[in-house]
Amino acid sequence: MAKGFLRSGDEQSFVGVYEYWQDARDGLRLLVNHKNSRNRFLGMTPEEAQGFLIERQQELDYQSGLALLGSIEAILQLDFHCRVQNKLKDPLSREFRELKKSIQRRISLEEHILKAWQTIYPETRPLFQPLSKAIKFRHWLAHGRYWLHHRSERFNFNELYEIAELMQNSLPLKN
């Protein structure tokens, strides 16, 4: 990758995050329905146990969504660094190299990478609009959810996964 950039190799794949999410959802259902777990739910009505399951599944959606959005950032950051290091000649790679020269701090996903994509390739704007909204949701999740975030601006895990797949399948990424 680019000079000064060391890739950890620990980035999560979209599929890996999805499979974790599925396994954990299955595990939650088993927890609620397994006879050895009944003590945990002793005194709960079936409706209360179902409410517990729904709350835990919502939290799992949030946690897995946060991981998935981190994975989206990782592929876009890795694409940036690959284009810079390999000195690719396409307009986006040239723009990324100029950014790298002019920005002395960490390259921002929102301020630099997404803006460059949309400037150089305006046809990607409809693709990046839902991602930009999802990033605001990620900030809310990552920073403790302490401010009011309207429910219509929240995403469930499947919606985030659709964004991730669309990005991966639609962009000519170089990582």
N, C-alpha and C. Protein backbone atom coordinates (compact mmCIF):
# COMPACT_ATOMS: atom_id res chain seq x y z
N MET A 1 0.84 -1.18 0.00
CA MET A 1 0.00 0.00 0.00
C MET A 1 0.89 1.25 0.00
N ALA A 2 0.26 2.41 0.14
CA ALA A 2 0.99 3.66 0.04
C ALA A 2 2.06 3.78 1.12
N LYS A 3 3.12 4.53 0.79
CA LYS A 3 4.22 4.74 1.72
C LYS A 3 3.66 5.23 3.06
N GLY A 4 4.08 4.60 4.14
CA GLY A 4 3.60 4.98 5.45
C GLY A 4 2.31 4.29 5.85
N PHE A 5 1.71 3.55 4.96
CA PHE A 5 0.47 2.86 5.27
C PHE A 5 0.76 1.37 5.44
N LEU A 6 0.36 0.84 6.58
CA LEU A 6 0.53 -0.58 6.84
C LEU A 6 -0.84 -1.23 6.98
N ARG A 7 -1.13 -2.16 6.12
CA ARG A 7 -2.41 -2.86 6.15
C ARG A 7 -2.37 -3.93 7.24
N SER A 8 -3.41 -3.96 8.07
CA SER A 8 -3.44 -4.92 9.18
C SER A 8 -3.76 -6.33 8.70
N GLY A 9 -4.57 -6.44 7.66
CA GLY A 9 -5.02 -7.75 7.21
C GLY A 9 -6.16 -8.29 8.06
N ASP A 10 -6.63 -7.50 9.03
CA ASP A 10 -7.71 -7.94 9.92
C ASP A 10 -9.09 -7.43 9.51
N GLU A 11 -9.17 -6.79 8.36
CA GLU A 11 -10.47 -6.26 7.95
C GLU A 11 -11.47 -7.41 7.77
N GLN A 12 -12.72 -7.10 8.06
CA GLN A 12 -13.78 -8.11 7.96
C GLN A 12 -14.44 -8.04 6.59
N SER A 13 -14.74 -9.19 6.04
CA SER A 13 -15.48 -9.22 4.77
C SER A 13 -16.96 -9.00 5.05
N PHE A 14 -17.66 -8.52 4.05
CA PHE A 14 -19.11 -8.35 4.18
C PHE A 14 -19.77 -9.69 4.49
N VAL A 15 -19.33 -10.72 3.79
CA VAL A 15 -19.91 -12.05 3.98
C VAL A 15 -19.62 -12.54 5.39
N GLY A 16 -18.43 -12.31 5.90
CA GLY A 16 -18.09 -12.72 7.25
C GLY A 16 -18.97 -12.06 8.30
N VAL A 17 -19.22 -10.76 8.14
CA VAL A 17 -20.10 -10.04 9.06
C VAL A 17 -21.52 -10.58 8.94
N TYR A 18 -21.96 -10.81 7.70
CA TYR A 18 -23.31 -11.34 7.49
C TYR A 18 -23.49 -12.72 8.14
N GLU A 19 -22.51 -13.58 7.96
CA GLU A 19 -22.61 -14.92 8.54
C GLU A 19 -22.61 -14.86 10.06
N TYR A 20 -21.81 -13.99 10.64
CA TYR A 20 -21.82 -13.80 12.10
C TYR A 20 -23.21 -13.37 12.55
N TRP A 21 -23.77 -12.39 11.87
CA TRP A 21 -25.10 -11.87 12.20
C TRP A 21 -26.14 -12.99 12.15
N GLN A 22 -26.10 -13.80 11.09
CA GLN A 22 -27.05 -14.92 10.97
C GLN A 22 -26.88 -15.92 12.10
N ASP A 23 -25.64 -16.31 12.38
CA ASP A 23 -25.37 -17.27 13.45
C ASP A 23 -25.85 -16.74 14.79
N ALA A 24 -25.58 -15.48 15.07
CA ALA A 24 -25.98 -14.89 16.34
C ALA A 24 -27.50 -14.80 16.46
N ARG A 25 -28.19 -14.46 15.37
CA ARG A 25 -29.67 -14.43 15.40
C ARG A 25 -30.22 -15.83 15.67
N ASP A 26 -29.63 -16.83 15.01
CA ASP A 26 -30.07 -18.21 15.27
C ASP A 26 -29.82 -18.59 16.72
N GLY A 27 -28.67 -18.18 17.25
CA GLY A 27 -28.34 -18.47 18.64
C GLY A 27 -29.31 -17.81 19.61
N LEU A 28 -29.73 -16.59 19.32
CA LEU A 28 -30.71 -15.92 20.18
C LEU A 28 -32.04 -16.69 20.19
N ARG A 29 -32.47 -17.13 19.02
CA ARG A 29 -33.73 -17.90 18.95
C ARG A 29 -33.61 -19.19 19.76
N LEU A 30 -32.47 -19.86 19.63
CA LEU A 30 -32.25 -21.09 20.40
C LEU A 30 -32.23 -20.81 21.90
N LEU A 31 -31.63 -19.72 22.29
CA LEU A 31 -31.58 -19.34 23.70
C LEU A 31 -32.98 -19.23 24.29
N VAL A 32 -33.83 -18.53 23.57
CA VAL A 32 -35.19 -18.32 24.07
C VAL A 32 -35.99 -19.62 24.06
N ASN A 33 -35.75 -20.46 23.09
CA ASN A 33 -36.57 -21.67 22.93
C ASN A 33 -35.99 -22.92 23.59
N HIS A 34 -34.74 -22.90 24.01
CA HIS A 34 -34.09 -24.09 24.56
C HIS A 34 -34.57 -24.36 25.97
N LYS A 35 -34.85 -25.63 26.27
CA LYS A 35 -35.41 -25.99 27.59
C LYS A 35 -34.43 -25.70 28.72
N ASN A 36 -33.13 -25.78 28.49
CA ASN A 36 -32.16 -25.48 29.55
C ASN A 36 -32.03 -23.99 29.83
N SER A 37 -32.58 -23.16 28.97
CA SER A 37 -32.55 -21.71 29.17
C SER A 37 -33.78 -21.22 29.91
N ARG A 38 -34.70 -22.10 30.19
CA ARG A 38 -35.97 -21.68 30.79
C ARG A 38 -35.78 -20.93 32.11
N ASN A 39 -34.75 -21.31 32.91
CA ASN A 39 -34.54 -20.62 34.19
C ASN A 39 -34.30 -19.13 33.99
N ARG A 40 -33.62 -18.80 32.93
CA ARG A 40 -33.36 -17.39 32.65
C ARG A 40 -34.65 -16.62 32.42
N PHE A 41 -35.63 -17.30 31.90
CA PHE A 41 -36.89 -16.65 31.56
C PHE A 41 -38.01 -17.00 32.54
N LEU A 42 -37.63 -17.60 33.67
CA LEU A 42 -38.59 -17.97 34.70
C LEU A 42 -39.36 -16.74 35.16
N GLY A 43 -40.64 -16.85 35.17
CA GLY A 43 -41.48 -15.74 35.59
C GLY A 43 -41.89 -14.83 34.45
N MET A 44 -41.30 -15.03 33.28
CA MET A 44 -41.69 -14.22 32.11
C MET A 44 -42.86 -14.88 31.40
N THR A 45 -43.72 -14.05 30.90
CA THR A 45 -44.78 -14.57 30.03
C THR A 45 -44.16 -14.85 28.67
N PRO A 46 -44.82 -15.63 27.82
CA PRO A 46 -44.30 -15.82 26.46
C PRO A 46 -44.11 -14.49 25.72
N GLU A 47 -44.98 -13.54 25.97
CA GLU A 47 -44.87 -12.23 25.33
C GLU A 47 -43.62 -11.50 25.81
N GLU A 48 -43.31 -11.61 27.11
CA GLU A 48 -42.11 -10.97 27.65
C GLU A 48 -40.85 -11.62 27.09
N ALA A 49 -40.87 -12.95 26.98
CA ALA A 49 -39.72 -13.65 26.40
C ALA A 49 -39.53 -13.23 24.94
N GLN A 50 -40.63 -13.08 24.23
CA GLN A 50 -40.56 -12.62 22.84
C GLN A 50 -40.02 -11.19 22.77
N GLY A 51 -40.44 -10.35 23.71
CA GLY A 51 -39.93 -8.98 23.78
C GLY A 51 -38.42 -8.96 24.04
N PHE A 52 -37.95 -9.86 24.91
CA PHE A 52 -36.52 -10.00 25.17
C PHE A 52 -35.79 -10.34 23.88
N LEU A 53 -36.32 -11.30 23.14
CA LEU A 53 -35.71 -11.72 21.88
C LEU A 53 -35.65 -10.55 20.89
N ILE A 54 -36.71 -9.81 20.78
CA ILE A 54 -36.75 -8.67 19.85
C ILE A 54 -35.72 -7.62 20.24
N GLU A 55 -35.60 -7.33 21.54
CA GLU A 55 -34.61 -6.35 22.01
C GLU A 55 -33.19 -6.81 21.69
N ARG A 56 -32.91 -8.07 21.94
CA ARG A 56 -31.57 -8.60 21.68
C ARG A 56 -31.27 -8.62 20.18
N GLN A 57 -32.27 -8.94 19.37
CA GLN A 57 -32.07 -8.93 17.93
C GLN A 57 -31.82 -7.51 17.42
N GLN A 58 -32.49 -6.53 18.00
CA GLN A 58 -32.26 -5.13 17.61
C GLN A 58 -30.83 -4.72 17.95
N GLU A 59 -30.38 -5.11 19.14
CA GLU A 59 -29.01 -4.79 19.53
C GLU A 59 -28.01 -5.49 18.61
N LEU A 60 -28.29 -6.73 18.26
CA LEU A 60 -27.42 -7.46 17.33
C LEU A 60 -27.38 -6.76 15.98
N ASP A 61 -28.53 -6.28 15.50
CA ASP A 61 -28.56 -5.52 14.24
C ASP A 61 -27.66 -4.30 14.34
N TYR A 62 -27.74 -3.58 15.45
CA TYR A 62 -26.92 -2.38 15.63
C TYR A 62 -25.43 -2.74 15.64
N GLN A 63 -25.06 -3.73 16.44
CA GLN A 63 -23.65 -4.09 16.57
C GLN A 63 -23.10 -4.64 15.25
N SER A 64 -23.86 -5.48 14.60
CA SER A 64 -23.41 -6.04 13.31
C SER A 64 -23.41 -4.97 12.23
N GLY A 65 -24.38 -4.06 12.28
CA GLY A 65 -24.41 -2.96 11.33
C GLY A 65 -23.19 -2.06 11.48
N LEU A 66 -22.78 -1.82 12.71
CA LEU A 66 -21.58 -1.03 12.96
C LEU A 66 -20.35 -1.72 12.36
N ALA A 67 -20.26 -3.03 12.55
CA ALA A 67 -19.14 -3.79 11.97
C ALA A 67 -19.19 -3.74 10.44
N LEU A 68 -20.37 -3.86 9.87
CA LEU A 68 -20.51 -3.84 8.42
C LEU A 68 -20.12 -2.47 7.85
N LEU A 69 -20.55 -1.41 8.50
CA LEU A 69 -20.18 -0.07 8.04
C LEU A 69 -18.68 0.15 8.17
N GLY A 70 -18.07 -0.42 9.19
CA GLY A 70 -16.62 -0.38 9.30
C GLY A 70 -15.95 -1.11 8.16
N SER A 71 -16.55 -2.21 7.73
CA SER A 71 -16.02 -2.97 6.59
C SER A 71 -16.13 -2.18 5.30
N ILE A 72 -17.22 -1.45 5.15
CA ILE A 72 -17.38 -0.60 3.96
C ILE A 72 -16.29 0.46 3.94
N GLU A 73 -16.07 1.10 5.10
CA GLU A 73 -15.00 2.10 5.15
C GLU A 73 -13.66 1.46 4.81
N ALA A 74 -13.42 0.26 5.33
CA ALA A 74 -12.13 -0.41 5.08
C ALA A 74 -11.90 -0.62 3.58
N ILE A 75 -12.92 -1.10 2.85
CA ILE A 75 -12.67 -1.36 1.43
C ILE A 75 -12.43 -0.06 0.67
N LEU A 76 -13.10 1.02 1.08
CA LEU A 76 -12.90 2.29 0.40
C LEU A 76 -11.54 2.91 0.77
N GLN A 77 -11.13 2.77 2.02
CA GLN A 77 -9.80 3.25 2.42
C GLN A 77 -8.70 2.44 1.73
N LEU A 78 -8.88 1.12 1.67
CA LEU A 78 -7.88 0.27 1.01
C LEU A 78 -7.80 0.59 -0.48
N ASP A 79 -8.94 0.86 -1.09
CA ASP A 79 -8.96 1.27 -2.50
C ASP A 79 -8.16 2.56 -2.67
N PHE A 80 -8.39 3.52 -1.78
CA PHE A 80 -7.65 4.78 -1.83
C PHE A 80 -6.14 4.52 -1.78
N HIS A 81 -5.70 3.77 -0.78
CA HIS A 81 -4.27 3.54 -0.60
C HIS A 81 -3.67 2.73 -1.74
N CYS A 82 -4.41 1.80 -2.28
CA CYS A 82 -3.93 1.02 -3.43
C CYS A 82 -3.73 1.92 -4.65
N ARG A 83 -4.69 2.79 -4.90
CA ARG A 83 -4.59 3.70 -6.05
C ARG A 83 -3.40 4.66 -5.89
N VAL A 84 -3.18 5.13 -4.67
CA VAL A 84 -2.07 6.06 -4.42
C VAL A 84 -0.74 5.33 -4.57
N GLN A 85 -0.60 4.20 -3.91
CA GLN A 85 0.67 3.47 -3.94
C GLN A 85 1.04 3.02 -5.35
N ASN A 86 0.07 2.51 -6.07
CA ASN A 86 0.35 1.96 -7.41
C ASN A 86 0.37 3.03 -8.50
N LYS A 87 0.12 4.28 -8.10
CA LYS A 87 0.16 5.41 -9.04
C LYS A 87 -0.64 5.13 -10.30
N LEU A 88 -1.86 4.66 -10.09
CA LEU A 88 -2.74 4.37 -11.22
C LEU A 88 -3.04 5.67 -11.96
N LYS A 89 -3.35 5.56 -13.23
CA LYS A 89 -3.45 6.73 -14.10
C LYS A 89 -4.87 7.24 -14.33
N ASP A 90 -5.87 6.54 -13.80
CA ASP A 90 -7.25 7.00 -14.00
C ASP A 90 -7.49 8.30 -13.22
N PRO A 91 -8.52 9.06 -13.58
CA PRO A 91 -8.76 10.37 -12.93
C PRO A 91 -8.95 10.27 -11.41
N LEU A 92 -9.62 9.25 -10.93
CA LEU A 92 -9.84 9.13 -9.49
C LEU A 92 -8.51 8.88 -8.76
N SER A 93 -7.70 8.03 -9.30
CA SER A 93 -6.40 7.76 -8.68
C SER A 93 -5.53 9.01 -8.65
N ARG A 94 -5.56 9.80 -9.71
CA ARG A 94 -4.81 11.05 -9.74
C ARG A 94 -5.33 12.02 -8.66
N GLU A 95 -6.65 12.08 -8.55
CA GLU A 95 -7.25 12.94 -7.52
C GLU A 95 -6.85 12.46 -6.12
N PHE A 96 -6.84 11.16 -5.91
CA PHE A 96 -6.43 10.61 -4.62
C PHE A 96 -4.97 10.95 -4.31
N ARG A 97 -4.10 10.89 -5.30
CA ARG A 97 -2.70 11.24 -5.08
C ARG A 97 -2.56 12.71 -4.70
N GLU A 98 -3.33 13.56 -5.37
CA GLU A 98 -3.31 14.99 -5.03
C GLU A 98 -3.80 15.21 -3.60
N LEU A 99 -4.85 14.50 -3.23
CA LEU A 99 -5.35 14.60 -1.85
C LEU A 99 -4.28 14.17 -0.86
N LYS A 100 -3.63 13.06 -1.14
CA LYS A 100 -2.61 12.53 -0.25
C LYS A 100 -1.47 13.55 -0.06
N LYS A 101 -1.11 14.22 -1.14
CA LYS A 101 -0.04 15.23 -1.05
C LYS A 101 -0.49 16.45 -0.24
N SER A 102 -1.73 16.87 -0.44
CA SER A 102 -2.19 18.12 0.18
C SER A 102 -2.72 17.95 1.60
N ILE A 103 -3.16 16.76 1.95
CA ILE A 103 -3.72 16.51 3.29
C ILE A 103 -2.64 15.89 4.15
N GLN A 104 -2.28 16.55 5.21
CA GLN A 104 -1.21 16.04 6.06
C GLN A 104 -1.73 15.18 7.22
N ARG A 105 -3.03 15.06 7.30
CA ARG A 105 -3.62 14.22 8.34
C ARG A 105 -4.26 13.00 7.69
N ARG A 106 -4.94 12.21 8.49
CA ARG A 106 -5.59 11.01 7.98
C ARG A 106 -6.65 11.37 6.94
N ILE A 107 -6.71 10.59 5.90
CA ILE A 107 -7.71 10.81 4.85
C ILE A 107 -9.07 10.40 5.39
N SER A 108 -10.04 11.28 5.26
CA SER A 108 -11.39 11.05 5.78
C SER A 108 -12.25 10.38 4.72
N LEU A 109 -13.00 9.39 5.16
CA LEU A 109 -13.94 8.73 4.25
C LEU A 109 -14.94 9.73 3.69
N GLU A 110 -15.56 10.49 4.57
CA GLU A 110 -16.61 11.42 4.13
C GLU A 110 -16.07 12.64 3.41
N GLU A 111 -15.10 13.29 4.03
CA GLU A 111 -14.59 14.56 3.48
C GLU A 111 -13.78 14.38 2.21
N HIS A 112 -13.07 13.29 2.09
CA HIS A 112 -12.13 13.15 0.98
C HIS A 112 -12.53 12.05 -0.01
N ILE A 113 -12.66 10.84 0.47
CA ILE A 113 -12.86 9.71 -0.45
C ILE A 113 -14.22 9.77 -1.15
N LEU A 114 -15.30 9.91 -0.38
CA LEU A 114 -16.62 9.94 -1.00
C LEU A 114 -16.79 11.16 -1.91
N LYS A 115 -16.30 12.29 -1.46
CA LYS A 115 -16.40 13.51 -2.28
C LYS A 115 -15.62 13.36 -3.59
N ALA A 116 -14.45 12.75 -3.51
CA ALA A 116 -13.65 12.56 -4.73
C ALA A 116 -14.36 11.64 -5.71
N TRP A 117 -14.89 10.52 -5.21
CA TRP A 117 -15.63 9.61 -6.08
C TRP A 117 -16.76 10.35 -6.80
N GLN A 118 -17.53 11.13 -6.04
CA GLN A 118 -18.69 11.79 -6.62
C GLN A 118 -18.32 12.94 -7.54
N THR A 119 -17.17 13.56 -7.30
CA THR A 119 -16.71 14.64 -8.17
C THR A 119 -16.20 14.07 -9.49
N ILE A 120 -15.37 13.04 -9.40
CA ILE A 120 -14.77 12.46 -10.61
C ILE A 120 -15.79 11.62 -11.39
N TYR A 121 -16.62 10.91 -10.67
CA TYR A 121 -17.64 10.04 -11.30
C TYR A 121 -19.02 10.43 -10.78
N PRO A 122 -19.62 11.51 -11.32
CA PRO A 122 -20.92 11.98 -10.83
C PRO A 122 -22.02 10.91 -10.88
N GLU A 123 -21.86 9.95 -11.75
CA GLU A 123 -22.87 8.89 -11.86
C GLU A 123 -22.92 8.01 -10.60
N THR A 124 -21.91 8.14 -9.72
CA THR A 124 -21.91 7.35 -8.48
C THR A 124 -22.70 8.02 -7.35
N ARG A 125 -23.14 9.25 -7.56
CA ARG A 125 -23.85 9.96 -6.49
C ARG A 125 -25.04 9.18 -5.94
N PRO A 126 -25.89 8.62 -6.81
CA PRO A 126 -27.02 7.84 -6.24
C PRO A 126 -26.57 6.63 -5.41
N LEU A 127 -25.42 6.11 -5.72
CA LEU A 127 -24.87 4.99 -4.97
C LEU A 127 -24.37 5.45 -3.60
N PHE A 128 -23.77 6.62 -3.54
CA PHE A 128 -23.18 7.11 -2.30
C PHE A 128 -24.18 7.82 -1.38
N GLN A 129 -25.33 8.24 -1.90
CA GLN A 129 -26.30 8.93 -1.04
C GLN A 129 -26.77 8.05 0.12
N PRO A 130 -27.19 6.79 -0.12
CA PRO A 130 -27.59 5.97 1.03
C PRO A 130 -26.41 5.68 1.96
N LEU A 131 -25.21 5.56 1.41
CA LEU A 131 -24.05 5.32 2.25
C LEU A 131 -23.79 6.52 3.15
N SER A 132 -23.93 7.72 2.63
CA SER A 132 -23.73 8.92 3.44
C SER A 132 -24.72 8.96 4.60
N LYS A 133 -25.96 8.59 4.35
CA LYS A 133 -26.95 8.52 5.44
C LYS A 133 -26.58 7.43 6.43
N ALA A 134 -26.12 6.30 5.92
CA ALA A 134 -25.73 5.19 6.79
C ALA A 134 -24.52 5.57 7.65
N ILE A 135 -23.63 6.39 7.14
CA ILE A 135 -22.46 6.82 7.91
C ILE A 135 -22.91 7.70 9.09
N LYS A 136 -23.92 8.53 8.87
CA LYS A 136 -24.46 9.32 9.98
C LYS A 136 -25.04 8.38 11.05
N PHE A 137 -25.70 7.33 10.61
CA PHE A 137 -26.22 6.31 11.53
C PHE A 137 -25.06 5.64 12.27
N ARG A 138 -23.98 5.36 11.57
CA ARG A 138 -22.80 4.75 12.19
C ARG A 138 -22.23 5.65 13.27
N HIS A 139 -22.17 6.95 13.01
CA HIS A 139 -21.67 7.88 14.03
C HIS A 139 -22.54 7.80 15.29
N TRP A 140 -23.84 7.73 15.10
CA TRP A 140 -24.76 7.63 16.23
C TRP A 140 -24.49 6.36 17.02
N LEU A 141 -24.31 5.24 16.31
CA LEU A 141 -24.02 3.98 16.98
C LEU A 141 -22.67 4.01 17.70
N ALA A 142 -21.66 4.48 17.01
CA ALA A 142 -20.29 4.42 17.54
C ALA A 142 -20.06 5.37 18.70
N HIS A 143 -20.84 6.41 18.79
CA HIS A 143 -20.60 7.42 19.82
C HIS A 143 -21.59 7.35 20.96
N GLY A 144 -22.21 6.20 21.13
CA GLY A 144 -23.01 5.97 22.33
C GLY A 144 -24.49 6.27 22.24
N ARG A 145 -24.97 6.68 21.06
CA ARG A 145 -26.41 6.88 20.84
C ARG A 145 -27.02 7.89 21.80
N TYR A 146 -26.27 8.88 22.21
CA TYR A 146 -26.76 9.80 23.22
C TYR A 146 -27.59 10.96 22.67
N TRP A 147 -27.56 11.18 21.35
CA TRP A 147 -28.37 12.25 20.79
C TRP A 147 -29.56 11.65 20.06
N LEU A 148 -30.58 12.46 19.89
CA LEU A 148 -31.80 12.00 19.24
C LEU A 148 -31.51 11.74 17.77
N HIS A 149 -31.74 10.53 17.36
CA HIS A 149 -31.54 10.13 15.96
C HIS A 149 -32.87 9.58 15.48
N HIS A 150 -33.50 10.29 14.58
CA HIS A 150 -34.85 9.92 14.15
C HIS A 150 -34.90 8.51 13.61
N ARG A 151 -35.93 7.77 13.98
CA ARG A 151 -36.06 6.38 13.56
C ARG A 151 -36.05 6.21 12.04
N SER A 152 -36.55 7.19 11.31
CA SER A 152 -36.56 7.07 9.85
C SER A 152 -35.15 7.16 9.27
N GLU A 153 -34.18 7.60 10.08
CA GLU A 153 -32.80 7.71 9.62
C GLU A 153 -31.96 6.54 10.10
N ARG A 154 -32.60 5.52 10.66
CA ARG A 154 -31.90 4.33 11.12
C ARG A 154 -32.01 3.25 10.06
N PHE A 155 -31.10 2.31 10.12
CA PHE A 155 -31.04 1.24 9.14
C PHE A 155 -31.09 -0.09 9.87
N ASN A 156 -31.77 -1.06 9.26
CA ASN A 156 -31.64 -2.41 9.80
C ASN A 156 -30.47 -3.08 9.10
N PHE A 157 -30.07 -4.23 9.62
CA PHE A 157 -28.88 -4.88 9.09
C PHE A 157 -29.03 -5.22 7.61
N ASN A 158 -30.18 -5.71 7.20
CA ASN A 158 -30.37 -6.09 5.79
C ASN A 158 -30.23 -4.89 4.86
N GLU A 159 -30.72 -3.73 5.28
CA GLU A 159 -30.56 -2.53 4.46
C GLU A 159 -29.09 -2.15 4.32
N LEU A 160 -28.34 -2.26 5.41
CA LEU A 160 -26.91 -1.95 5.36
C LEU A 160 -26.17 -2.96 4.48
N TYR A 161 -26.57 -4.21 4.56
CA TYR A 161 -25.92 -5.23 3.74
C TYR A 161 -26.19 -4.98 2.25
N GLU A 162 -27.38 -4.53 1.92
CA GLU A 162 -27.70 -4.20 0.52
C GLU A 162 -26.79 -3.07 0.03
N ILE A 163 -26.57 -2.06 0.88
CA ILE A 163 -25.67 -0.96 0.51
C ILE A 163 -24.27 -1.50 0.27
N ALA A 164 -23.80 -2.35 1.17
CA ALA A 164 -22.45 -2.91 1.06
C ALA A 164 -22.30 -3.72 -0.24
N GLU A 165 -23.25 -4.58 -0.51
CA GLU A 165 -23.18 -5.39 -1.74
C GLU A 165 -23.22 -4.53 -2.99
N LEU A 166 -24.09 -3.54 -2.98
CA LEU A 166 -24.20 -2.65 -4.14
C LEU A 166 -22.88 -1.92 -4.38
N MET A 167 -22.26 -1.46 -3.31
CA MET A 167 -20.97 -0.77 -3.45
C MET A 167 -19.93 -1.72 -4.02
N GLN A 168 -19.84 -2.90 -3.44
CA GLN A 168 -18.83 -3.86 -3.86
C GLN A 168 -19.04 -4.30 -5.32
N ASN A 169 -20.30 -4.43 -5.73
CA ASN A 169 -20.58 -4.91 -7.08
C ASN A 169 -20.61 -3.80 -8.13
N SER A 170 -20.70 -2.55 -7.71
CA SER A 170 -20.87 -1.45 -8.66
C SER A 170 -19.62 -0.60 -8.88
N LEU A 171 -18.73 -0.59 -7.91
CA LEU A 171 -17.55 0.28 -8.01
C LEU A 171 -16.34 -0.49 -8.51
N PRO A 172 -15.52 0.13 -9.34
CA PRO A 172 -14.28 -0.51 -9.78
C PRO A 172 -13.18 -0.35 -8.73
N LEU A 173 -13.33 -1.08 -7.62
CA LEU A 173 -12.39 -0.95 -6.50
C LEU A 173 -11.07 -1.64 -6.83
N LYS A 174 -9.99 -1.10 -6.32
CA LYS A 174 -8.64 -1.57 -6.63
C LYS A 174 -7.92 -2.12 -5.41
N ASN A 175 -8.60 -2.80 -4.53
CA ASN A 175 -7.90 -3.32 -3.36
C ASN A 175 -7.84 -4.81 -3.47
